[in-house]
Every structure is written in structure tokens, then in C-alpha cells.
Amino acid sequence: MGGVMGHAGMAATVVRHLRAAGSPTAVEPLPRPVLRAVREDERPPVDPAEFRRVLGHFASGVTIVTAVDAEGPAGFACQSFASLSLDPPLVAFMVARTSTTWPRIAGAGSFCVNVLGADQGGLCRSFAVSGADKFAGVEWAPAPVTGAPQLAGAPAWIDCAITAVHTGGDHLIVVGRVDALGAAEDGDPLLFHRGRFGRFSA
């Protein structure tokens, strides 16, 4: 499904799915759900602080997921991004159910993943805050298929249409079909490990 009408139809499908799943949408924001793996009188299987500490040892790349809707550009910093399938070409990212940016991306029905370079830690921090004008002073161009913001200086970008949204505890798992993509020939990635940014060294 391509073109403007295709993306509009996909957006409507996504919003209907979010409503059915009890997730936040642009028109029906819901409070954070009560999600428990044990009964009230049982000890949780793992301590949340320990969960964060241990999982922080997994180094990852850093991206900014963007979209554009009637209000303009929207985006958020995203560490939880991965390739999913080669045939068909699919990627996935995870977003908190409480995100205020996600409903706008869902409404757009499409997104662009901007893979950040080693020197773009400041850009990542500016997109990690809530309520600010994240695009102030940020140079971008419309991605070729969806028109989602393709950020200047990002060493790689993936232009996608949303194909599925799944619940995953306090997050949503968003699957996108890759419609276009590109990358620079060189450039080190921005890495995130144990709460700090770093860079790759061979």
C-alpha cells in the first residue's frame, strides 16, 4: 500500500488497533496501565532497579524516530530499534505506552528511523525530553516515500509505513515495512551503554 491514501488508511488502522488494545491514541489518551507479573501479595520476580542495571550492560545503537502530521514534525529518541525481517523488509521499534509523541506517529501511519552518528549525542538528548520544540534549529528534509523527517548528518535512515502494533507490557512494539533507506559510506555510530554515550573502536 503506497502513496498518501495508503498511509492515511494505515493510520486509521493503527489508531483502531490502539483503541482496541487500550493504548494511548491521539484522541483518547489513557493513564499508564497497571501491569504486574505477580499478585499483590507476592514478591516481584526481579527488582526494577536491578532489571535496569543488568540490562544496561547491553550496548545498543541510538536512533531518532520521526514522523510528520498536520501539526508538523514529531520525533523521539529511541534505543529499542532492530531489523526484523529481510523478506519482506521489516523493522521494529519499541515505545512507551505513555509517550506523548507516539500518538502523532501512529496518526501519521509512517515514520523514518534516523540512525545517529558518534557526534550526535547532543541531538539525541534534545529529542529525549518531553514538551520542548525538539526540531528547533534542526536541519531535516522529507524522506522520499513518507515525507517523515530525515535528519541532516544522520549516517543512516530507514523510511517506513506502519504495518502492525503489538502490546509488550508497558511498551508497544511497532513494526514498519521499509519503503526506502540509505546510508553514508563511512561514519562511526553513536552507542549507548550503562547510561552513557560512547563510540565504536575496533
Protein backbone atom coordinates (compact mmCIF):
# COMPACT_ATOMS: atom_id res chain seq x y z
CA MET A 1 0.00 0.00 0.00
CA GLY A 2 1.70 3.21 -1.10
CA GLY A 3 1.03 6.87 -1.62
CA VAL A 4 -0.84 9.34 0.53
CA MET A 5 -4.14 7.46 0.57
CA GLY A 6 -2.37 4.24 1.54
CA HIS A 7 -0.67 5.89 4.51
CA ALA A 8 -3.92 7.55 5.61
CA GLY A 9 -5.65 4.18 5.58
CA MET A 10 -2.79 2.63 7.52
CA ALA A 11 -3.02 5.41 10.11
CA ALA A 12 -6.72 4.72 10.62
CA THR A 13 -5.99 1.01 11.05
CA VAL A 14 -3.27 1.73 13.62
CA VAL A 15 -5.49 4.05 15.65
CA ARG A 16 -8.31 1.48 15.65
CA HIS A 17 -5.84 -1.15 16.85
CA LEU A 18 -4.57 1.12 19.62
CA ARG A 19 -8.09 1.80 20.85
CA ALA A 20 -8.91 -1.91 20.86
CA ALA A 21 -5.69 -2.67 22.77
CA GLY A 22 -6.39 0.04 25.34
CA SER A 23 -3.30 2.02 24.31
CA PRO A 24 -2.97 5.81 24.05
CA THR A 25 -4.20 7.41 20.85
CA ALA A 26 -4.22 10.99 19.67
CA VAL A 27 -7.84 11.47 20.69
CA GLU A 28 -8.20 9.11 23.67
CA PRO A 29 -5.16 9.36 25.96
CA LEU A 30 -5.26 6.77 28.72
CA PRO A 31 -3.37 6.60 32.03
CA ARG A 32 -0.42 4.27 32.41
CA PRO A 33 -1.80 0.74 32.82
CA VAL A 34 -1.28 -1.32 35.96
CA LEU A 35 0.91 -4.16 34.73
CA ARG A 36 2.01 -6.87 37.17
CA ALA A 37 3.66 -10.25 36.72
CA VAL A 38 2.65 -11.37 40.23
CA ARG A 39 -0.24 -10.98 42.66
CA GLU A 40 -0.29 -8.13 45.15
CA ASP A 41 0.76 -10.47 47.98
CA GLU A 42 3.72 -11.93 46.07
CA ARG A 43 7.26 -10.67 45.73
CA PRO A 44 8.06 -9.35 42.24
CA PRO A 45 10.33 -11.73 40.28
CA VAL A 46 13.02 -9.06 39.83
CA ASP A 47 13.69 -5.64 41.33
CA PRO A 48 13.07 -2.88 38.73
CA ALA A 49 16.32 -1.09 39.62
CA GLU A 50 18.27 -4.32 39.25
CA PHE A 51 16.50 -5.02 35.95
CA ARG A 52 17.65 -1.64 34.59
CA ARG A 53 21.19 -2.11 35.92
CA VAL A 54 21.68 -5.54 34.38
CA LEU A 55 20.03 -4.72 31.03
CA GLY A 56 22.15 -1.57 30.88
CA HIS A 57 25.14 -3.79 30.13
CA PHE A 58 23.68 -4.44 26.68
CA ALA A 59 25.21 -1.84 24.37
CA SER A 60 22.96 -0.56 21.61
CA GLY A 61 22.85 1.96 18.85
CA VAL A 62 20.71 5.09 19.18
CA THR A 63 18.07 6.37 16.77
CA ILE A 64 15.56 9.17 16.44
CA VAL A 65 12.17 8.03 15.14
CA THR A 66 10.35 10.81 13.28
CA ALA A 67 7.07 11.45 11.52
CA VAL A 68 5.14 14.42 10.19
CA ASP A 69 1.43 15.12 10.72
CA ALA A 70 -0.91 18.08 10.41
CA GLU A 71 0.85 19.76 13.37
CA GLY A 72 4.29 19.44 11.78
CA PRO A 73 7.30 17.24 12.52
CA ALA A 74 7.42 14.95 15.56
CA GLY A 75 10.07 12.63 16.91
CA PHE A 76 11.65 10.92 19.89
CA ALA A 77 14.96 9.31 20.80
CA CYS A 78 14.76 5.52 20.60
CA GLN A 79 17.28 2.96 21.79
CA SER A 80 14.96 -0.03 21.22
CA PHE A 81 15.21 -0.45 17.46
CA ALA A 82 16.03 -3.56 15.42
CA SER A 83 15.83 -5.10 11.98
CA LEU A 84 13.09 -7.73 11.92
CA SER A 85 12.75 -9.35 8.50
CA LEU A 86 14.56 -9.38 5.16
CA ASP A 87 11.65 -10.71 3.08
CA PRO A 88 9.54 -8.68 3.39
CA PRO A 89 11.83 -5.90 4.64
CA LEU A 90 10.60 -5.06 8.15
CA VAL A 91 12.00 -3.19 11.13
CA ALA A 92 10.64 -2.70 14.64
CA PHE A 93 10.95 -0.23 17.48
CA MET A 94 9.57 -0.14 21.00
CA VAL A 95 7.89 2.91 22.51
CA ALA A 96 6.48 3.53 25.99
CA ARG A 97 2.69 3.43 26.16
CA THR A 98 2.85 6.80 27.95
CA SER A 99 4.75 8.51 25.12
CA THR A 100 3.16 11.78 24.02
CA THR A 101 4.90 11.59 20.63
CA TRP A 102 3.73 8.10 19.70
CA PRO A 103 0.08 9.06 19.05
CA ARG A 104 1.28 11.55 16.43
CA ILE A 105 3.42 8.91 14.74
CA ALA A 106 0.52 6.47 14.86
CA GLY A 107 -1.73 9.10 13.32
CA ALA A 108 0.77 9.69 10.52
CA GLY A 109 0.86 5.96 9.77
CA SER A 110 4.53 6.15 8.84
CA PHE A 111 7.93 7.00 10.27
CA CYS A 112 11.61 7.45 9.50
CA VAL A 113 14.31 5.91 11.69
CA ASN A 114 17.39 8.13 11.82
CA VAL A 115 20.46 6.17 12.97
CA LEU A 116 22.66 8.60 14.89
CA GLY A 117 26.38 9.12 14.43
CA ALA A 118 29.06 9.24 17.12
CA ASP A 119 28.97 13.04 17.32
CA GLN A 120 25.19 13.38 17.63
CA GLY A 121 24.80 12.79 21.37
CA GLY A 122 23.52 16.34 21.85
CA LEU A 123 20.86 15.81 19.19
CA CYS A 124 19.77 12.61 20.93
CA ARG A 125 19.45 14.40 24.27
CA SER A 126 17.29 17.14 22.74
CA PHE A 127 14.88 14.52 21.37
CA ALA A 128 14.77 12.65 24.68
CA VAL A 129 13.00 15.48 26.51
CA SER A 130 9.25 15.99 26.58
CA GLY A 131 7.38 19.21 25.88
CA ALA A 132 10.17 21.12 24.12
CA ASP A 133 10.38 22.14 20.47
CA LYS A 134 12.66 19.28 19.50
CA PHE A 135 13.08 20.46 15.92
CA ALA A 136 14.21 23.99 16.79
CA GLY A 137 17.40 24.58 14.81
CA VAL A 138 17.44 21.02 13.46
CA GLU A 139 18.01 20.66 9.72
CA TRP A 140 15.92 18.00 8.02
CA ALA A 141 14.41 17.00 4.69
CA PRO A 142 11.34 14.88 3.86
CA ALA A 143 12.12 11.19 3.45
CA PRO A 144 11.41 10.13 -0.14
CA VAL A 145 8.30 7.97 0.38
CA THR A 146 6.58 9.01 3.62
CA GLY A 147 7.82 12.58 3.98
CA ALA A 148 8.89 11.89 7.58
CA PRO A 149 11.86 14.00 8.72
CA GLN A 150 15.21 12.70 7.55
CA LEU A 151 17.70 14.43 9.87
CA ALA A 152 20.80 16.05 8.45
CA GLY A 153 24.03 14.33 9.45
CA ALA A 154 22.47 11.00 10.40
CA PRO A 155 24.69 8.31 8.84
CA ALA A 156 21.70 6.08 8.00
CA TRP A 157 17.93 6.39 7.61
CA ILE A 158 15.03 3.97 7.07
CA ASP A 159 11.70 5.24 5.67
CA CYS A 160 8.76 3.05 6.74
CA ALA A 161 4.99 2.56 6.79
CA ILE A 162 3.44 1.11 9.96
CA THR A 163 2.14 -2.41 9.39
CA ALA A 164 1.46 -3.71 12.92
CA VAL A 165 1.41 -2.64 16.56
CA HIS A 166 1.69 -5.19 19.37
CA THR A 167 1.44 -4.74 23.14
CA GLY A 168 4.53 -5.56 25.17
CA GLY A 169 3.96 -4.82 28.85
CA ASP A 170 4.38 -1.10 29.45
CA HIS A 171 5.62 -0.62 25.86
CA LEU A 172 4.25 -1.05 22.36
CA ILE A 173 6.09 -2.96 19.64
CA VAL A 174 5.74 -1.12 16.34
CA VAL A 175 6.51 -2.94 13.09
CA GLY A 176 7.24 -0.99 9.92
CA ARG A 177 7.58 -2.02 6.26
CA VAL A 178 10.69 -0.46 4.76
CA ASP A 179 9.85 1.61 1.68
CA ALA A 180 13.22 3.33 1.24
CA LEU A 181 16.55 3.58 3.01
CA GLY A 182 20.06 4.90 2.65
CA ALA A 183 23.39 5.29 4.41
CA ALA A 184 26.67 7.15 4.19
CA GLU A 185 29.76 5.23 3.14
CA ASP A 186 31.51 5.86 6.46
CA GLY A 187 30.93 7.32 9.90
CA ASP A 188 31.00 5.82 13.40
CA PRO A 189 27.71 5.05 15.20
CA LEU A 190 26.54 6.60 18.46
CA LEU A 191 26.44 3.88 21.13
CA PHE A 192 24.62 3.74 24.46
CA HIS A 193 25.93 1.64 27.33
CA ARG A 194 25.19 1.77 31.07
CA GLY A 195 23.56 5.17 30.85
CA ARG A 196 26.33 6.82 28.82
CA PHE A 197 27.05 7.58 25.20
CA GLY A 198 30.16 6.14 23.57
CA ARG A 199 31.67 5.36 20.21
CA PHE A 200 32.86 2.25 18.44
CA SER A 201 36.57 1.48 18.34
CA ALA A 202 37.96 -1.56 16.51
